[in-house]
Each structure stands twice: as C-alpha cells, then as structure tokens.
Amino acid sequence: MRKVEIIAEIGINHGGSITLAHEMIEEAAWTGADTIKFQTVNADLIYSQSDSLHKLFKQAEFTPTQWQELKTHVERLDKEFLSTPNPNS
C-alpha cells in the first residue's frame, strides 16, 4: 500500500507577514501535513508596477534570510519544505 502525501498549501496567504507565516507552519504541522508549501515570488520581475497584481505579490515577498528561517522552522517540525517559484522569480 502506498502512503498518501498531504501538502499544506500556504502559498502567499501570509501576505508577507513572517509572523503569520510561522503561525501557518505550526497549524499545518499540527493538522498532520507532510509537506508545507509556499510560493516564491519576485513581483518586479513578473508584473509591471501598473499591474494590479504587482502590489499583492510585492507584499508577499520574503528576503532570502526569511526564506531560510521559514525552511528551518518547517524542518524542525520534521516536515518537508516546498516552494514553487513564480515564473521569472
């Protein structure tokens, strides 16, 4: 019998709040997810500043240091970290 992998999709729902992202990691782990997934974005490379999505994605960006912090948190909970890149990110 094969094991089903449960992926908790956080995406950009943290809105750029590192505190909220950490809280969402805790909740995802508590629910039994095997993998916790984010979306990596670079709004400046994907959208023009006049595009309505630019602001939304710009607010959801983290620095490389913050990404490492989130990855470490996920791994400390014995979960797999995953982030899908937005095109050109």
Protein backbone atom coordinates (compact mmCIF):
# COMPACT_ATOMS: atom_id res chain seq x y z
CA MET A 1 0.00 0.00 0.00
CA ARG A 2 1.30 3.46 -0.92
CA LYS A 3 1.33 6.36 1.52
CA VAL A 4 -0.66 9.46 0.64
CA GLU A 5 1.35 12.68 0.90
CA ILE A 6 -0.53 15.59 2.46
CA ILE A 7 0.66 19.01 1.27
CA ALA A 8 -0.46 22.12 3.15
CA GLU A 9 -0.57 24.99 0.64
CA ILE A 10 0.28 28.30 2.31
CA GLY A 11 1.18 29.98 -0.97
CA ILE A 12 1.17 33.74 -0.46
CA ASN A 13 -1.67 33.71 2.08
CA HIS A 14 0.72 35.06 4.72
CA GLY A 15 0.59 38.42 2.90
CA GLY A 16 4.27 39.00 3.60
CA SER A 17 3.95 38.67 7.37
CA ILE A 18 6.78 36.49 8.65
CA THR A 19 4.92 36.08 11.95
CA LEU A 20 1.79 34.85 10.20
CA ALA A 21 3.87 32.51 8.02
CA HIS A 22 5.35 30.93 11.16
CA GLU A 23 1.88 30.57 12.67
CA MET A 24 0.63 28.93 9.48
CA ILE A 25 3.56 26.50 9.56
CA GLU A 26 2.61 25.49 13.10
CA GLU A 27 -1.03 24.98 12.14
CA ALA A 28 -0.15 22.98 9.04
CA ALA A 29 2.14 20.72 11.06
CA TRP A 30 -0.49 20.28 13.77
CA THR A 31 -3.05 19.12 11.20
CA GLY A 32 -0.72 16.35 10.08
CA ALA A 33 0.57 17.72 6.78
CA ASP A 34 3.71 16.02 5.48
CA THR A 35 4.85 18.96 3.36
CA ILE A 36 4.35 22.69 3.84
CA LYS A 37 4.31 24.64 0.59
CA PHE A 38 4.80 28.32 -0.17
CA GLN A 39 5.07 30.32 -3.37
CA THR A 40 8.26 32.26 -4.08
CA VAL A 41 7.66 35.49 -5.94
CA ASN A 42 9.53 38.48 -7.28
CA ALA A 43 6.79 40.92 -8.28
CA ASP A 44 9.19 43.30 -10.02
CA LEU A 45 10.27 40.60 -12.47
CA ILE A 46 6.76 39.35 -13.21
CA TYR A 47 4.42 42.34 -13.20
CA SER A 48 4.68 45.96 -14.21
CA GLN A 49 4.06 48.37 -11.36
CA SER A 50 0.82 49.41 -13.04
CA ASP A 51 -0.49 45.83 -12.92
CA SER A 52 -2.99 45.34 -10.09
CA LEU A 53 -1.25 42.08 -9.10
CA HIS A 54 2.10 43.79 -8.56
CA LYS A 55 1.15 45.18 -5.15
CA LEU A 56 -0.37 41.88 -3.98
CA PHE A 57 2.70 39.85 -4.89
CA LYS A 58 5.16 42.54 -3.78
CA GLN A 59 3.67 42.45 -0.28
CA ALA A 60 4.12 38.66 -0.19
CA GLU A 61 7.87 38.71 -0.87
CA PHE A 62 10.39 37.50 1.70
CA THR A 63 14.14 38.01 1.79
CA PRO A 64 16.48 35.04 1.32
CA THR A 65 17.20 35.15 5.06
CA GLN A 66 13.48 34.99 5.87
CA TRP A 67 13.05 32.04 3.47
CA GLN A 68 15.84 30.21 5.26
CA GLU A 69 14.17 30.97 8.60
CA LEU A 70 10.87 29.51 7.37
CA LYS A 71 12.58 26.46 5.88
CA THR A 72 14.40 25.81 9.16
CA HIS A 73 11.13 26.10 11.08
CA VAL A 74 9.43 23.57 8.80
CA GLU A 75 12.33 21.13 9.07
CA ARG A 76 12.45 21.44 12.87
CA LEU A 77 8.88 20.13 12.85
CA ASP A 78 10.08 17.14 10.80
CA LYS A 79 8.13 18.29 7.74
CA GLU A 80 9.23 18.86 4.18
CA PHE A 81 9.57 22.45 2.94
CA LEU A 82 8.46 23.22 -0.61
CA SER A 83 8.11 26.46 -2.51
CA THR A 84 7.03 26.77 -6.11
CA PRO A 85 8.63 29.66 -7.95
CA ASN A 86 6.54 32.15 -9.80
CA PRO A 87 7.80 32.41 -13.39
CA ASN A 88 10.96 34.52 -13.60
CA SER A 89 11.31 34.67 -9.79
